[in-house]
Amino acid sequence: MNNTKEFYVIIERDEDGYYVGEVPQLKACYSQSETIDELIANIKEVIELCLEEEEYENLPEFVGIQKVVK
């Protein structure tokens, strides 16, 4: 049985130049790092921790990101 789940990470750069990643499908699932490669490694660990904390059988469907210009 394949237990692989797919998650989307929203990545932003903060005012100090750090990359900040958040997984909107999981509560309080975020991390930061100086490089994107480090961020992805960190966020994978955080995802594992978040999944251990709570049972996520029916994850919310990630629909996408829409850019709005005002």
N, C-alpha and C. Protein backbone atom coordinates (compact mmCIF):
# COMPACT_ATOMS: atom_id res chain seq x y z
N MET A 1 0.85 -1.20 0.00
CA MET A 1 0.00 0.00 0.00
C MET A 1 0.88 1.24 0.00
N ASN A 2 0.64 2.13 -0.93
CA ASN A 2 1.41 3.37 -1.04
C ASN A 2 0.80 4.42 -0.13
N ASN A 3 1.59 4.92 0.79
CA ASN A 3 1.11 5.91 1.76
C ASN A 3 1.59 7.31 1.43
N THR A 4 1.94 7.56 0.19
CA THR A 4 2.48 8.84 -0.23
C THR A 4 1.36 9.88 -0.32
N LYS A 5 1.62 11.04 0.25
CA LYS A 5 0.69 12.16 0.16
C LYS A 5 1.41 13.32 -0.52
N GLU A 6 0.66 14.14 -1.21
CA GLU A 6 1.22 15.28 -1.92
C GLU A 6 0.80 16.56 -1.22
N PHE A 7 1.76 17.44 -0.98
CA PHE A 7 1.49 18.71 -0.33
C PHE A 7 2.06 19.85 -1.16
N TYR A 8 1.42 20.98 -1.07
CA TYR A 8 1.89 22.18 -1.74
C TYR A 8 2.48 23.13 -0.72
N VAL A 9 3.58 23.76 -1.07
CA VAL A 9 4.26 24.68 -0.17
C VAL A 9 4.22 26.08 -0.80
N ILE A 10 3.69 27.02 -0.06
CA ILE A 10 3.72 28.42 -0.49
C ILE A 10 5.01 29.01 0.06
N ILE A 11 5.83 29.58 -0.82
CA ILE A 11 7.13 30.11 -0.42
C ILE A 11 7.16 31.61 -0.66
N GLU A 12 7.58 32.32 0.37
CA GLU A 12 7.75 33.77 0.29
C GLU A 12 9.13 34.12 0.82
N ARG A 13 9.60 35.29 0.48
CA ARG A 13 10.86 35.78 1.04
C ARG A 13 10.53 36.93 1.99
N ASP A 14 11.04 36.84 3.24
CA ASP A 14 10.73 37.89 4.22
C ASP A 14 11.69 39.06 4.08
N GLU A 15 11.48 40.07 4.92
CA GLU A 15 12.27 41.31 4.83
C GLU A 15 13.75 41.10 5.15
N ASP A 16 14.09 40.00 5.83
CA ASP A 16 15.49 39.70 6.14
C ASP A 16 16.15 38.80 5.10
N GLY A 17 15.42 38.44 4.06
CA GLY A 17 15.97 37.61 2.99
C GLY A 17 15.79 36.12 3.19
N TYR A 18 15.12 35.70 4.27
CA TYR A 18 14.87 34.28 4.51
C TYR A 18 13.68 33.81 3.69
N TYR A 19 13.74 32.55 3.27
CA TYR A 19 12.60 31.93 2.61
C TYR A 19 11.70 31.34 3.68
N VAL A 20 10.42 31.61 3.56
CA VAL A 20 9.43 31.12 4.51
C VAL A 20 8.44 30.26 3.73
N GLY A 21 8.27 29.02 4.19
CA GLY A 21 7.36 28.10 3.52
C GLY A 21 6.22 27.70 4.43
N GLU A 22 5.04 27.57 3.84
CA GLU A 22 3.84 27.18 4.59
C GLU A 22 3.07 26.14 3.78
N VAL A 23 2.57 25.13 4.47
CA VAL A 23 1.71 24.12 3.86
C VAL A 23 0.28 24.44 4.28
N PRO A 24 -0.54 25.03 3.40
CA PRO A 24 -1.88 25.46 3.81
C PRO A 24 -2.81 24.32 4.18
N GLN A 25 -2.53 23.10 3.74
CA GLN A 25 -3.39 21.96 4.05
C GLN A 25 -3.24 21.49 5.50
N LEU A 26 -2.16 21.88 6.16
CA LEU A 26 -1.89 21.41 7.52
C LEU A 26 -1.81 22.61 8.46
N LYS A 27 -2.42 22.49 9.63
CA LYS A 27 -2.42 23.58 10.61
C LYS A 27 -1.01 23.80 11.16
N ALA A 28 -0.61 25.05 11.23
CA ALA A 28 0.68 25.46 11.82
C ALA A 28 1.87 24.73 11.22
N CYS A 29 1.83 24.51 9.92
CA CYS A 29 2.91 23.79 9.23
C CYS A 29 3.70 24.79 8.40
N TYR A 30 4.79 25.29 8.98
CA TYR A 30 5.61 26.27 8.29
C TYR A 30 7.05 26.17 8.78
N SER A 31 7.96 26.70 7.98
CA SER A 31 9.37 26.72 8.34
C SER A 31 10.04 27.85 7.58
N GLN A 32 11.32 28.10 7.91
CA GLN A 32 12.08 29.12 7.19
C GLN A 32 13.52 28.68 7.06
N SER A 33 14.22 29.27 6.11
CA SER A 33 15.62 28.93 5.89
C SER A 33 16.26 29.98 4.98
N GLU A 34 17.59 29.91 4.89
CA GLU A 34 18.32 30.86 4.04
C GLU A 34 18.28 30.49 2.57
N THR A 35 18.06 29.19 2.26
CA THR A 35 17.99 28.76 0.86
C THR A 35 16.72 27.94 0.64
N ILE A 36 16.29 27.86 -0.60
CA ILE A 36 15.09 27.08 -0.92
C ILE A 36 15.35 25.59 -0.68
N ASP A 37 16.55 25.10 -1.01
CA ASP A 37 16.86 23.69 -0.77
C ASP A 37 16.76 23.33 0.71
N GLU A 38 17.30 24.19 1.57
CA GLU A 38 17.20 23.96 3.01
C GLU A 38 15.75 24.06 3.46
N LEU A 39 15.02 25.00 2.89
CA LEU A 39 13.61 25.16 3.26
C LEU A 39 12.82 23.90 2.94
N ILE A 40 13.02 23.32 1.78
CA ILE A 40 12.28 22.12 1.40
C ILE A 40 12.64 20.95 2.32
N ALA A 41 13.91 20.82 2.66
CA ALA A 41 14.31 19.76 3.61
C ALA A 41 13.64 19.98 4.96
N ASN A 42 13.63 21.23 5.43
CA ASN A 42 12.99 21.55 6.71
C ASN A 42 11.49 21.31 6.67
N ILE A 43 10.85 21.72 5.59
CA ILE A 43 9.39 21.61 5.52
C ILE A 43 8.97 20.15 5.47
N LYS A 44 9.79 19.28 4.86
CA LYS A 44 9.47 17.84 4.87
C LYS A 44 9.46 17.30 6.29
N GLU A 45 10.41 17.74 7.11
CA GLU A 45 10.44 17.32 8.51
C GLU A 45 9.22 17.85 9.27
N VAL A 46 8.86 19.10 9.00
CA VAL A 46 7.72 19.71 9.67
C VAL A 46 6.42 18.99 9.27
N ILE A 47 6.31 18.62 8.01
CA ILE A 47 5.13 17.88 7.55
C ILE A 47 5.00 16.58 8.34
N GLU A 48 6.11 15.86 8.49
CA GLU A 48 6.08 14.61 9.26
C GLU A 48 5.60 14.87 10.69
N LEU A 49 6.11 15.92 11.31
CA LEU A 49 5.70 16.25 12.68
C LEU A 49 4.22 16.61 12.74
N CYS A 50 3.75 17.39 11.78
CA CYS A 50 2.34 17.76 11.75
C CYS A 50 1.44 16.54 11.57
N LEU A 51 1.86 15.62 10.73
CA LEU A 51 1.06 14.42 10.50
C LEU A 51 1.05 13.51 11.72
N GLU A 52 2.12 13.53 12.51
CA GLU A 52 2.16 12.75 13.75
C GLU A 52 1.24 13.36 14.81
N GLU A 53 1.15 14.68 14.83
CA GLU A 53 0.36 15.39 15.83
C GLU A 53 -1.14 15.14 15.66
N GLU A 54 -1.61 15.14 14.43
CA GLU A 54 -3.03 14.98 14.17
C GLU A 54 -3.24 13.97 13.05
N GLU A 55 -4.38 13.32 13.10
CA GLU A 55 -4.75 12.40 12.03
C GLU A 55 -5.38 13.20 10.89
N TYR A 56 -4.80 13.11 9.74
CA TYR A 56 -5.31 13.82 8.57
C TYR A 56 -5.74 12.79 7.54
N GLU A 57 -6.94 12.27 7.73
CA GLU A 57 -7.45 11.29 6.77
C GLU A 57 -8.01 11.99 5.54
N ASN A 58 -8.78 13.03 5.77
CA ASN A 58 -9.41 13.77 4.67
C ASN A 58 -8.83 15.17 4.63
N LEU A 59 -7.70 15.31 3.97
CA LEU A 59 -7.05 16.61 3.87
C LEU A 59 -7.86 17.54 2.98
N PRO A 60 -7.88 18.82 3.31
CA PRO A 60 -8.56 19.77 2.42
C PRO A 60 -7.89 19.77 1.06
N GLU A 61 -8.69 19.94 0.03
CA GLU A 61 -8.15 19.99 -1.33
C GLU A 61 -7.49 21.34 -1.57
N PHE A 62 -6.23 21.32 -1.99
CA PHE A 62 -5.55 22.56 -2.35
C PHE A 62 -5.97 22.90 -3.77
N VAL A 63 -6.59 24.06 -3.94
CA VAL A 63 -7.12 24.45 -5.23
C VAL A 63 -6.10 25.25 -6.03
N GLY A 64 -5.39 26.16 -5.38
CA GLY A 64 -4.41 26.94 -6.09
C GLY A 64 -4.24 28.32 -5.49
N ILE A 65 -3.48 29.13 -6.16
CA ILE A 65 -3.21 30.49 -5.73
C ILE A 65 -3.65 31.41 -6.84
N GLN A 66 -4.32 32.46 -6.49
CA GLN A 66 -4.77 33.43 -7.48
C GLN A 66 -4.17 34.78 -7.14
N LYS A 67 -3.53 35.40 -8.11
CA LYS A 67 -2.97 36.72 -7.93
C LYS A 67 -4.05 37.77 -8.20
N VAL A 68 -4.21 38.70 -7.27
CA VAL A 68 -5.20 39.76 -7.43
C VAL A 68 -4.45 41.09 -7.41
N VAL A 69 -4.69 41.90 -8.41
CA VAL A 69 -4.06 43.20 -8.51
C VAL A 69 -5.09 44.26 -8.15
N LYS A 70 -4.69 45.14 -7.27
CA LYS A 70 -5.62 46.20 -6.83
C LYS A 70 -5.04 47.56 -7.12
